[in-house]
Protein backbone atom coordinates (compact mmCIF):
# COMPACT_ATOMS: atom_id res chain seq x y z
CA UNK A 1 -46.32 76.67 -105.09
CA UNK A 2 -44.95 75.94 -101.72
CA UNK A 3 -41.38 76.16 -100.50
CA UNK A 4 -39.58 73.03 -99.33
CA UNK A 5 -38.96 72.68 -95.53
CA UNK A 6 -36.09 74.95 -94.54
CA UNK A 7 -33.07 73.92 -92.44
CA UNK A 8 -32.95 74.79 -88.93
CA UNK A 9 -32.08 78.47 -88.34
CA UNK A 10 -28.80 79.63 -87.39
CA UNK A 11 -28.02 81.00 -83.86
CA UNK A 12 -28.84 84.65 -84.71
CA UNK A 13 -32.18 83.64 -86.09
CA UNK A 14 -33.01 81.33 -83.04
CA UNK A 15 -34.54 84.29 -81.06
CA UNK A 16 -36.96 85.03 -83.95
CA UNK A 17 -37.85 81.35 -84.24
CA UNK A 18 -38.55 81.15 -80.50
CA UNK A 19 -40.57 84.35 -80.70
CA UNK A 20 -42.66 83.06 -83.46
CA UNK A 21 -43.52 79.74 -81.53
CA UNK A 22 -43.54 80.99 -78.08
CA UNK A 23 -47.20 80.19 -77.67
CA UNK A 24 -46.68 76.57 -78.46
CA UNK A 25 -43.64 76.51 -76.14
CA UNK A 26 -45.58 78.05 -73.25
CA UNK A 27 -48.36 75.56 -73.69
CA UNK A 28 -45.97 72.50 -73.85
CA UNK A 29 -44.02 73.80 -70.87
CA UNK A 30 -47.15 74.42 -68.81
CA UNK A 31 -48.61 71.11 -69.82
CA UNK A 32 -45.43 69.17 -68.90
CA UNK A 33 -45.15 70.73 -65.48
CA UNK A 34 -48.86 70.14 -64.83
CA UNK A 35 -48.41 66.45 -65.72
CA UNK A 36 -45.31 66.30 -63.38
CA UNK A 37 -47.34 67.80 -60.60
CA UNK A 38 -50.13 65.38 -61.12
CA UNK A 39 -47.76 62.55 -61.31
CA UNK A 40 -46.25 63.64 -58.01
CA UNK A 41 -49.66 63.87 -56.40
CA UNK A 42 -50.74 60.38 -57.63
CA UNK A 43 -47.40 58.70 -57.31
CA UNK A 44 -47.62 56.02 -54.56
CA UNK A 45 -45.43 56.96 -51.53
CA UNK A 46 -42.76 54.43 -50.20
CA UNK A 47 -41.43 54.56 -46.66
CA UNK A 48 -38.31 52.74 -45.34
CA UNK A 49 -37.69 51.38 -41.88
CA UNK A 50 -34.06 50.75 -40.97
CA UNK A 51 -32.38 48.64 -38.29
CA UNK A 52 -28.81 48.08 -37.52
CA UNK A 53 -27.18 44.97 -36.22
CA UNK A 54 -23.80 44.71 -34.46
CA UNK A 55 -21.95 41.36 -34.88
CA UNK A 56 -19.46 40.48 -32.15
CA UNK A 57 -16.41 38.45 -33.29
CA UNK A 58 -16.82 34.76 -32.70
CA UNK A 59 -20.15 33.04 -32.65
CA UNK A 60 -21.36 32.10 -29.26
CA UNK A 61 -21.16 28.55 -30.10
CA UNK A 62 -17.41 28.47 -31.11
CA UNK A 63 -16.33 27.76 -27.60
CA UNK A 64 -19.48 26.10 -26.45
CA UNK A 65 -20.68 23.80 -29.15
CA UNK A 66 -18.85 20.48 -28.47
CA UNK A 67 -19.44 19.24 -31.97
CA UNK A 68 -17.61 22.19 -33.45
CA UNK A 69 -13.85 21.88 -34.07
CA UNK A 70 -12.00 24.99 -33.27
CA UNK A 71 -8.22 25.77 -33.41
CA UNK A 72 -6.14 27.23 -30.79
CA UNK A 73 -5.57 30.40 -32.83
CA UNK A 74 -7.95 32.39 -34.81
CA UNK A 75 -7.13 34.89 -37.49
CA UNK A 76 -9.19 38.01 -36.36
CA UNK A 77 -9.58 39.59 -39.75
CA UNK A 78 -10.59 36.35 -41.49
CA UNK A 79 -12.99 35.48 -38.71
CA UNK A 80 -14.63 38.82 -38.78
CA UNK A 81 -15.21 38.74 -42.56
CA UNK A 82 -16.45 35.08 -42.39
CA UNK A 83 -18.75 36.10 -39.49
CA UNK A 84 -20.28 39.08 -41.34
CA UNK A 85 -20.66 37.04 -44.38
CA UNK A 86 -22.38 34.37 -42.41
CA UNK A 87 -24.73 36.70 -40.76
CA UNK A 88 -25.56 38.35 -44.12
CA UNK A 89 -26.02 34.91 -45.73
CA UNK A 90 -28.63 34.09 -43.13
CA UNK A 91 -30.23 37.55 -43.55
CA UNK A 92 -30.48 36.96 -47.35
CA UNK A 93 -31.98 33.45 -47.03
CA UNK A 94 -35.41 32.74 -48.30
CA UNK A 95 -36.46 31.08 -45.21
CA UNK A 96 -36.59 34.38 -43.26
CA UNK A 97 -38.85 35.91 -45.95
CA UNK A 98 -41.09 32.86 -45.80
CA UNK A 99 -41.38 33.03 -41.99
CA UNK A 100 -42.34 36.74 -42.25
CA UNK A 101 -44.93 36.05 -45.01
CA UNK A 102 -46.30 33.18 -42.92
CA UNK A 103 -46.51 35.31 -39.76
CA UNK A 104 -48.17 38.29 -41.25
CA UNK A 105 -50.00 36.62 -44.12
CA UNK A 106 -49.60 37.00 -47.86
CA UNK A 107 -52.60 39.39 -47.92
CA UNK A 108 -50.91 41.91 -45.77
CA UNK A 109 -47.80 41.92 -48.04
CA UNK A 110 -49.84 42.01 -51.32
CA UNK A 111 -52.61 44.40 -50.24
CA UNK A 112 -50.04 46.70 -48.77
CA UNK A 113 -48.48 47.04 -52.11
CA UNK A 114 -44.99 45.80 -51.06
CA UNK A 115 -42.59 46.05 -53.92
CA UNK A 116 -39.00 46.97 -54.51
CA UNK A 117 -37.88 50.26 -56.03
CA UNK A 118 -37.45 48.53 -59.44
CA UNK A 119 -40.89 46.96 -59.30
CA UNK A 120 -42.44 50.45 -58.68
CA UNK A 121 -40.83 51.86 -61.84
CA UNK A 122 -41.75 49.15 -64.17
CA UNK A 123 -45.13 48.32 -62.55
CA UNK A 124 -47.19 50.49 -65.03
CA UNK A 125 -45.55 48.87 -67.94
CA UNK A 126 -45.91 45.30 -66.81
CA UNK A 127 -49.24 45.22 -65.14
CA UNK A 128 -51.17 45.49 -68.47
CA UNK A 129 -48.98 42.77 -70.06
CA UNK A 130 -49.38 40.57 -67.06
CA UNK A 131 -53.15 40.87 -67.09
CA UNK A 132 -53.18 40.18 -70.87
CA UNK A 133 -50.94 37.12 -70.52
CA UNK A 134 -53.09 35.77 -67.65
CA UNK A 135 -56.30 36.35 -69.67
CA UNK A 136 -54.93 34.54 -72.60
CA UNK A 137 -53.60 31.72 -70.21
CA UNK A 138 -50.13 32.15 -71.55
CA UNK A 139 -48.68 32.11 -68.03
CA UNK A 140 -49.26 29.89 -65.03
CA UNK A 141 -51.02 31.34 -61.99
CA UNK A 142 -48.69 32.04 -59.13
CA UNK A 143 -49.99 31.44 -55.61
CA UNK A 144 -50.38 34.52 -53.36
CA UNK A 145 -47.83 33.23 -50.88
CA UNK A 146 -45.10 32.92 -53.59
CA UNK A 147 -45.90 36.32 -55.02
CA UNK A 148 -45.76 37.85 -51.51
CA UNK A 149 -42.40 36.11 -50.90
CA UNK A 150 -40.97 37.56 -54.17
CA UNK A 151 -42.25 41.04 -53.47
CA UNK A 152 -40.98 41.13 -49.94
CA UNK A 153 -37.56 39.74 -51.02
CA UNK A 154 -37.13 42.61 -53.51
CA UNK A 155 -38.18 45.13 -50.81
CA UNK A 156 -35.45 43.98 -48.41
CA UNK A 157 -32.03 45.59 -48.67
CA UNK A 158 -29.03 44.34 -46.69
CA UNK A 159 -25.95 46.54 -46.43
CA UNK A 160 -22.62 45.91 -44.69
CA UNK A 161 -19.10 47.26 -44.83
CA UNK A 162 -16.03 45.06 -45.45
CA UNK A 163 -14.17 46.64 -42.47
CA UNK A 164 -17.19 47.08 -40.18
CA UNK A 165 -19.17 44.78 -37.90
CA UNK A 166 -22.41 46.67 -38.48
CA UNK A 167 -25.06 45.21 -40.71
CA UNK A 168 -27.94 47.44 -41.83
CA UNK A 169 -31.47 46.01 -42.76
CA UNK A 170 -33.86 48.16 -44.62
CA UNK A 171 -37.38 47.33 -45.91
CA UNK A 172 -39.51 49.60 -48.13
CA UNK A 173 -43.30 49.68 -47.65
CA UNK A 174 -46.25 51.98 -48.59
CA UNK A 175 -46.58 53.14 -44.92
CA UNK A 176 -44.21 53.89 -42.14
CA UNK A 177 -46.02 51.48 -39.85
CA UNK A 178 -45.97 48.75 -42.39
CA UNK A 179 -42.30 49.13 -42.92
CA UNK A 180 -41.45 49.10 -39.11
CA UNK A 181 -43.68 46.09 -38.75
CA UNK A 182 -41.93 44.24 -41.52
CA UNK A 183 -38.50 45.01 -40.09
CA UNK A 184 -39.58 43.89 -36.60
CA UNK A 185 -40.92 40.63 -37.97
CA UNK A 186 -37.85 40.06 -40.18
CA UNK A 187 -35.37 40.66 -37.25
CA UNK A 188 -37.34 38.34 -34.97
CA UNK A 189 -37.27 35.58 -37.66
CA UNK A 190 -33.54 36.22 -38.17
CA UNK A 191 -32.73 35.98 -34.47
CA UNK A 192 -34.51 32.71 -34.09
CA UNK A 193 -32.94 31.30 -37.30
CA UNK A 194 -29.49 32.56 -36.15
CA UNK A 195 -29.90 30.68 -32.82
CA UNK A 196 -30.97 27.56 -34.73
CA UNK A 197 -28.06 27.48 -37.15
CA UNK A 198 -25.54 28.09 -34.37
CA UNK A 199 -26.91 25.44 -32.05
CA UNK A 200 -26.67 21.61 -32.16
CA UNK A 201 -29.95 20.39 -30.78
CA UNK A 202 -29.88 17.26 -28.69
CA UNK A 203 -26.12 17.54 -27.91
CA UNK A 204 -26.52 17.72 -24.16
CA UNK A 205 -28.58 14.45 -24.01
CA UNK A 206 -26.10 12.69 -26.30
CA UNK A 207 -23.04 13.78 -24.30
CA UNK A 208 -24.70 13.08 -20.94
CA UNK A 209 -25.44 9.48 -22.19
CA UNK A 210 -22.01 9.10 -23.57
CA UNK A 211 -20.48 10.41 -20.24
CA UNK A 212 -22.41 7.84 -18.26
CA UNK A 213 -21.27 4.96 -20.68
CA UNK A 214 -17.68 6.09 -20.34
CA UNK A 215 -17.96 6.28 -16.53
CA UNK A 216 -19.14 2.74 -16.36
CA UNK A 217 -16.47 1.45 -18.69
CA UNK A 218 -13.84 3.38 -16.59
CA UNK A 219 -15.07 1.75 -13.23
CA UNK A 220 -14.97 -1.59 -14.91
CA UNK A 221 -11.40 -1.04 -16.24
CA UNK A 222 -10.21 0.19 -12.85
CA UNK A 223 -11.55 -2.96 -11.18
CA UNK A 224 -9.82 -5.23 -13.62
CA UNK A 225 -6.56 -3.34 -13.30
CA UNK A 226 -6.77 -3.57 -9.47
CA UNK A 227 -7.48 -7.32 -9.63
CA UNK A 228 -4.57 -7.99 -11.96
CA UNK A 229 -2.13 -6.01 -9.79
CA UNK A 230 -3.33 -7.79 -6.58
CA UNK A 231 -2.99 -11.19 -8.35
CA UNK A 232 0.53 -10.52 -9.47
CA UNK A 233 1.58 -8.61 -6.35
CA UNK A 234 2.42 -5.42 -8.31
CA UNK A 235 1.64 -1.96 -7.33
CA UNK A 236 3.19 -0.36 -10.46
CA UNK A 237 4.82 -2.17 -13.43
CA UNK A 238 7.32 0.69 -13.86
CA UNK A 239 8.07 0.84 -10.04
CA UNK A 240 8.43 -2.88 -9.89
CA UNK A 241 10.72 -2.94 -12.91
CA UNK A 242 12.81 -0.23 -11.50
CA UNK A 243 13.18 -2.20 -8.26
CA UNK A 244 14.21 -5.31 -10.12
CA UNK A 245 16.58 -3.29 -12.28
CA UNK A 246 18.24 -1.75 -9.29
CA UNK A 247 18.60 -5.23 -7.69
CA UNK A 248 20.02 -6.54 -11.00
CA UNK A 249 22.55 -3.61 -11.00
CA UNK A 250 23.57 -4.49 -7.41
CA UNK A 251 23.90 -8.22 -8.23
CA UNK A 252 25.98 -7.48 -11.26
CA UNK A 253 28.19 -5.25 -9.28
CA UNK A 254 28.51 -7.87 -6.55
CA UNK A 255 29.41 -10.54 -9.12
CA UNK A 256 32.06 -8.36 -10.75
CA UNK A 257 33.43 -7.44 -7.25
CA UNK A 258 33.37 -11.10 -6.12
CA UNK A 259 34.98 -12.35 -9.32
CA UNK A 260 37.63 -9.65 -8.98
CA UNK A 261 38.35 -10.57 -5.39
CA UNK A 262 38.39 -14.22 -6.36
CA UNK A 263 40.98 -13.60 -9.10
CA UNK A 264 43.06 -11.65 -6.69
CA UNK A 265 42.89 -14.37 -4.02
CA UNK A 266 43.79 -17.04 -6.56
CA UNK A 267 46.73 -14.96 -7.70
CA UNK A 268 47.66 -14.47 -3.93
CA UNK A 269 47.58 -18.30 -3.47
CA UNK A 270 49.91 -18.87 -6.35
CA UNK A 271 52.25 -16.20 -5.02
CA UNK A 272 52.21 -17.75 -1.44
CA UNK A 273 52.82 -21.25 -2.85
CA UNK A 274 55.72 -20.04 -4.77
CA UNK A 275 57.15 -18.25 -1.69
CA UNK A 276 56.49 -21.31 0.37
CA UNK A 277 58.52 -23.49 -2.00
CA UNK A 278 61.59 -21.28 -1.53
CA UNK A 279 61.42 -21.47 2.31
CA UNK A 280 62.97 -24.42 4.34
CA UNK A 281 60.70 -26.32 6.52
CA UNK A 282 62.93 -26.00 9.69
CA UNK A 283 65.35 -23.59 11.04
CA UNK A 284 68.51 -24.21 13.35
CA UNK A 285 68.03 -22.41 16.43
CA UNK A 286 71.15 -23.63 18.58
CA UNK A 287 74.44 -25.90 18.25
CA UNK A 288 76.21 -27.50 21.27
CA UNK A 289 79.67 -29.33 20.97
CA UNK A 290 81.77 -31.63 23.32
CA UNK A 291 79.30 -34.46 23.78
CA UNK A 292 80.76 -37.98 23.47
CA UNK A 293 79.95 -39.70 20.31
CA UNK A 294 78.12 -42.95 21.47
CA UNK A 295 77.26 -43.97 18.05
CA UNK A 296 80.93 -43.92 17.04
CA UNK A 297 81.67 -46.35 19.78
CA UNK A 298 79.01 -48.68 18.75
CA UNK A 299 80.09 -48.38 15.16
CA UNK A 300 83.76 -49.30 16.13
CA UNK A 301 82.33 -52.31 18.09
CA UNK A 302 80.39 -53.45 15.16
CA UNK A 303 83.48 -52.94 12.95
CA UNK A 304 85.47 -55.13 15.41
CA UNK A 305 83.04 -57.72 15.14
CA UNK A 306 82.96 -57.72 11.42
CA UNK A 307 86.81 -57.83 11.37
CA UNK A 308 86.76 -60.86 13.67
CA UNK A 309 84.18 -62.54 11.51
CA UNK A 310 86.30 -61.79 8.46
CA UNK A 311 89.42 -63.26 10.05
CA UNK A 312 87.50 -66.31 11.00
CA UNK A 313 86.05 -66.59 7.40
CA UNK A 314 89.50 -66.11 5.99
CA UNK A 315 90.74 -69.01 8.20
CA UNK A 316 87.97 -71.24 7.15
CA UNK A 317 86.85 -70.22 3.70
CA UNK A 318 88.58 -69.72 0.38
CA UNK A 319 89.13 -66.26 -0.96
CA UNK A 320 86.30 -66.67 -3.54
CA UNK A 321 83.67 -67.71 -0.99
CA UNK A 322 80.66 -65.61 -1.13
CA UNK A 323 80.29 -65.15 2.69
CA UNK A 324 83.98 -64.25 2.93
CA UNK A 325 83.54 -61.81 0.06
CA UNK A 326 80.50 -60.26 1.78
CA UNK A 327 82.29 -59.86 5.10
CA UNK A 328 85.23 -58.14 3.29
CA UNK A 329 83.02 -55.67 1.62
CA UNK A 330 81.19 -54.83 4.88
CA UNK A 331 84.52 -54.23 6.52
CA UNK A 332 85.76 -52.08 3.64
CA UNK A 333 82.56 -49.95 3.64
CA UNK A 334 82.39 -49.57 7.48
CA UNK A 335 85.99 -48.66 8.08
CA UNK A 336 85.89 -45.28 6.21
CA UNK A 337 82.67 -44.32 8.14
CA UNK A 338 84.23 -45.08 11.41
CA UNK A 339 87.29 -43.19 10.42
CA UNK A 340 85.27 -40.12 9.30
CA UNK A 341 83.15 -39.94 12.49
CA UNK A 342 84.06 -37.18 14.93
CA UNK A 343 84.77 -38.63 18.40
CA UNK A 344 82.96 -35.57 19.83
CA UNK A 345 79.39 -34.80 18.98
CA UNK A 346 77.78 -31.39 18.23
CA UNK A 347 74.09 -30.94 19.36
CA UNK A 348 71.94 -28.94 16.86
CA UNK A 349 68.44 -27.50 17.97
CA UNK A 350 65.96 -26.96 15.10
CA UNK A 351 62.49 -25.47 14.94
CA UNK A 352 59.72 -24.86 12.38
CA UNK A 353 60.63 -21.84 10.07
CA UNK A 354 58.43 -19.00 11.35
CA UNK A 355 58.11 -17.20 7.91
CA UNK A 356 57.13 -20.47 6.38
CA UNK A 357 54.60 -20.92 9.14
CA UNK A 358 53.23 -17.45 8.56
CA UNK A 359 53.10 -17.83 4.89
CA UNK A 360 51.38 -21.24 5.27
CA UNK A 361 48.78 -19.62 7.52
CA UNK A 362 48.18 -16.90 4.95
CA UNK A 363 47.96 -19.55 2.27
CA UNK A 364 45.26 -21.35 4.33
CA UNK A 365 43.42 -18.18 4.87
CA UNK A 366 43.42 -17.36 1.21
CA UNK A 367 42.18 -20.82 0.24
CA UNK A 368 39.35 -20.41 2.73
CA UNK A 369 38.57 -16.93 1.25
CA UNK A 370 38.74 -18.34 -2.26
CA UNK A 371 36.18 -21.04 -1.25
CA UNK A 372 33.95 -18.37 0.21
CA UNK A 373 34.27 -16.20 -2.86
CA UNK A 374 33.35 -19.19 -5.04
CA UNK A 375 30.32 -19.69 -2.89
CA UNK A 376 29.48 -16.06 -3.10
CA UNK A 377 29.77 -16.01 -6.91
CA UNK A 378 27.72 -19.08 -7.23
CA UNK A 379 25.03 -17.55 -4.98
CA UNK A 380 25.10 -14.27 -6.92
CA UNK A 381 24.82 -16.23 -10.14
CA UNK A 382 21.83 -18.11 -8.85
CA UNK A 383 20.21 -14.86 -7.61
CA UNK A 384 20.85 -13.19 -10.96
CA UNK A 385 19.13 -16.14 -12.76
CA UNK A 386 16.22 -15.83 -10.32
CA UNK A 387 15.95 -12.14 -10.89
CA UNK A 388 15.88 -12.63 -14.65
CA UNK A 389 13.19 -15.07 -14.18
CA UNK A 390 11.34 -12.50 -12.20
CA UNK A 391 11.94 -9.82 -14.90
CA UNK A 392 10.73 -12.28 -17.58
CA UNK A 393 7.58 -12.96 -15.56
CA UNK A 394 7.10 -9.16 -14.88
CA UNK A 395 7.39 -8.46 -18.69
CA UNK A 396 4.77 -11.13 -19.25
CA UNK A 397 2.48 -9.63 -16.65
CA UNK A 398 3.30 -6.10 -17.83
CA UNK A 399 1.62 -6.72 -21.22
CA UNK A 400 -1.75 -7.26 -19.61
CA UNK A 401 -1.26 -4.61 -17.03
CA UNK A 402 -0.06 -1.95 -19.40
CA UNK A 403 -3.00 -2.80 -21.73
CA UNK A 404 -5.32 -2.27 -18.86
CA UNK A 405 -3.53 0.93 -17.67
CA UNK A 406 -3.71 2.30 -21.28
CA UNK A 407 -7.36 1.54 -21.43
CA UNK A 408 -7.83 3.29 -18.01
CA UNK A 409 -5.97 6.32 -19.32
CA UNK A 410 -7.89 6.38 -22.41
CA UNK A 411 -11.11 6.18 -20.55
CA UNK A 412 -10.03 8.83 -18.17
CA UNK A 413 -9.30 11.17 -21.03
CA UNK A 414 -12.65 10.35 -22.58
CA UNK A 415 -14.42 10.79 -19.20
CA UNK A 416 -12.83 14.37 -18.83
CA UNK A 417 -13.67 15.26 -22.49
CA UNK A 418 -17.24 14.09 -22.35
CA UNK A 419 -17.60 15.83 -19.07
CA UNK A 420 -16.29 19.09 -20.59
CA UNK A 421 -18.49 18.51 -23.73
CA UNK A 422 -21.54 17.90 -21.54
CA UNK A 423 -20.99 21.13 -19.65
CA UNK A 424 -20.47 23.02 -22.79
CA UNK A 425 -23.61 21.51 -24.36
CA UNK A 426 -25.63 22.44 -21.06
CA UNK A 427 -24.32 26.07 -21.28
CA UNK A 428 -25.13 26.11 -25.07
CA UNK A 429 -28.63 24.76 -24.27
CA UNK A 430 -29.07 27.42 -21.62
CA UNK A 431 -27.90 30.14 -24.16
CA UNK A 432 -30.60 28.88 -26.46
CA UNK A 433 -33.14 28.99 -23.77
CA UNK A 434 -32.36 32.53 -22.83
CA UNK A 435 -32.04 33.39 -26.56
CA UNK A 436 -28.46 34.89 -26.20
CA UNK A 437 -26.70 35.61 -29.39
CA UNK A 438 -23.68 37.47 -30.58
CA UNK A 439 -25.78 39.61 -32.92
CA UNK A 440 -27.21 42.59 -31.09
CA UNK A 441 -29.83 45.03 -32.42
CA UNK A 442 -28.41 48.34 -31.36
CA UNK A 443 -30.86 50.37 -33.65
CA UNK A 444 -34.35 48.84 -33.64
CA UNK A 445 -36.64 49.31 -36.59
CA UNK A 446 -37.11 52.98 -37.17
CA UNK A 447 -40.37 54.79 -37.96
CA UNK A 448 -39.57 57.15 -40.83
CA UNK A 449 -42.54 59.47 -41.65
CA UNK A 450 -40.79 61.06 -44.54
CA UNK A 451 -41.30 59.05 -47.71
CA UNK A 452 -38.16 57.92 -49.70
CA UNK A 453 -39.90 57.97 -52.97
CA UNK A 454 -40.87 59.91 -54.97
CA UNK A 455 -38.46 62.67 -54.29
CA UNK A 456 -40.19 65.89 -55.21
CA UNK A 457 -37.06 67.96 -55.68
CA UNK A 458 -35.61 65.47 -58.07
CA UNK A 459 -38.81 64.78 -59.91
CA UNK A 460 -39.54 68.60 -60.26
CA UNK A 461 -36.08 69.18 -61.39
CA UNK A 462 -36.23 66.54 -64.05
CA UNK A 463 -39.76 67.81 -65.08
CA UNK A 464 -38.40 71.36 -65.49
CA UNK A 465 -35.46 70.11 -67.54
CA UNK A 466 -37.89 67.96 -69.62
CA UNK A 467 -40.35 70.85 -70.09
CA UNK A 468 -37.62 73.33 -71.14
CA UNK A 469 -35.94 70.97 -73.56
CA UNK A 470 -39.27 69.82 -74.97
CA UNK A 471 -40.40 73.33 -75.47
CA UNK A 472 -37.22 74.24 -77.37
CA UNK A 473 -37.40 71.02 -79.44
CA UNK A 474 -41.07 71.68 -80.25
CA UNK A 475 -40.21 75.22 -81.53
CA UNK A 476 -37.33 73.91 -83.64
CA UNK A 477 -39.42 71.02 -85.02
CA UNK A 478 -42.27 73.36 -85.84
CA UNK A 479 -39.94 75.72 -87.61
CA UNK A 480 -38.37 72.82 -89.56
CA UNK A 481 -41.62 71.66 -90.93
CA UNK A 482 -43.18 75.06 -91.48
CA UNK A 483 -43.22 75.84 -95.23
CA UNK A 484 -44.73 79.25 -95.19
CA UNK A 485 -42.71 82.39 -96.32
CA UNK A 486 -41.60 84.45 -93.51
CA UNK A 487 -39.64 87.35 -95.08
CA UNK A 488 -39.27 89.42 -98.47
CA UNK A 489 -35.93 87.71 -99.05
CA UNK A 490 -37.62 84.31 -99.20
CA UNK A 491 -40.21 85.67 -101.62
CA UNK A 492 -37.59 87.26 -103.92
CA UNK A 493 -35.58 84.07 -103.94
CA UNK A 494 -38.64 82.02 -104.67
CA UNK A 495 -40.15 84.21 -107.57
CA UNK A 496 -36.79 85.69 -108.75
CA UNK A 497 -38.31 89.08 -108.83
CA UNK A 498 -38.09 92.15 -106.44
CA UNK A 499 -40.69 92.66 -103.85
CA UNK A 500 -42.24 96.10 -104.23
CA UNK A 501 -44.36 96.27 -101.01
CA UNK A 502 -45.00 94.24 -97.83
CA UNK A 503 -48.20 94.17 -95.84
CA UNK A 504 -47.76 93.47 -92.13
CA UNK A 505 -49.82 91.19 -90.10
CA UNK A 506 -53.01 92.54 -88.67
CA UNK A 507 -51.79 92.39 -85.23
CA UNK A 508 -48.54 94.20 -86.10
CA UNK A 509 -50.61 96.83 -88.11
CA UNK A 510 -52.82 97.53 -85.16
CA UNK A 511 -49.90 97.90 -83.03
CA UNK A 512 -48.23 100.22 -85.56
CA UNK A 513 -51.37 102.44 -85.78
CA UNK A 514 -51.66 102.72 -82.01
């Protein structure tokens, strides 16, 4: 009758358990360490070559590529991040790996055993499955070039910091020389590709042709503008317009002044005429008395004649006769006059009034001035009308001239712009010829003779841990499944009777006898 498997021993019994299975533990421990040692010996070595790139802020084409639109201000932090990301994007592109594979050949990559760290770890588990799937034609055959591209892509590691302008390129290969060669080829392909993506090919020829076309158009426009100005007698539309405007201002000022003077002269004439109406035409200069009145004598003689005729008519004619009545009326009218006459005469000397004469002269002068002012106003009005016609004609001509000047100005700007772009394209072309880039390799591909994998210290440490744990686990497992009776207590418990005597093992008995 066999006892059932016992549970694992308690901690105090663990020493006895380990002592009973120490042989198995030593064998497992030694075997495990031996396998780890063999694995380290046969494990394929991998070597890493590393290169460091320094990226300057601002691609060399930013200020030189005329087809690129750049702002006046650049955010330094954003530009640095974008620049680094752009460089890393080019480094991670498949086209660089393809160029390296095409340059070195797929056989070099595949025969050299190029594979990434993950591929090395799972190579042993996948190779048999891959061969089995290929033999059963479950998978399509992959060309050697594509397999080399995939293997090399996994072997390349790109590292960069967010606040750094340094980019690190690492490639893992089975030999140091192979790793260094791959990094050299990869950086050469990157440099060429970086120059290509930051250059606009054919820009110099394009801008040179455009500059010639604009120059010809500018010469033609200048000739047309010169002919138009010569035909119209204009050196400058704005200058001519300013001259006409100044003349118009002077004419308007002259008209206003002349009209003001005319109104003043007309008012002066009215005032002089009113003053002239109040002045007498003559002025008494002298009075002389005592001269005999010859006219009175003649009047008396005439009165005597009329009286004699009246008496004769009274003698001959009736009182109602018309002739008699007429003579009587003449006598009656003449008698008071003769009576009123002074027998002595006074001589009065008169002359033209001097103030009236002066006022009259001023009046004539004002009339002459008014006539002149009228003529001046009419002349200025005619000149203003003529000037307006000139301005109208100038405005009509200015449309054509200003269009020509605008075209000339636009063509001049284009000429300068295309000239600048052509020079930038020439410099950009020279930069490409000299292979100048803003990415500098300050650490070339290194030749590291120390392999990066496997790491003996790590592998041995893990092997030691695995051997120790495995040995302990093996002892506990053997103890758990061992159904033999190891002590008198187990026997008494099994048969329910006391044990009278125990016989030790032969090895223990020989040791006791000795």
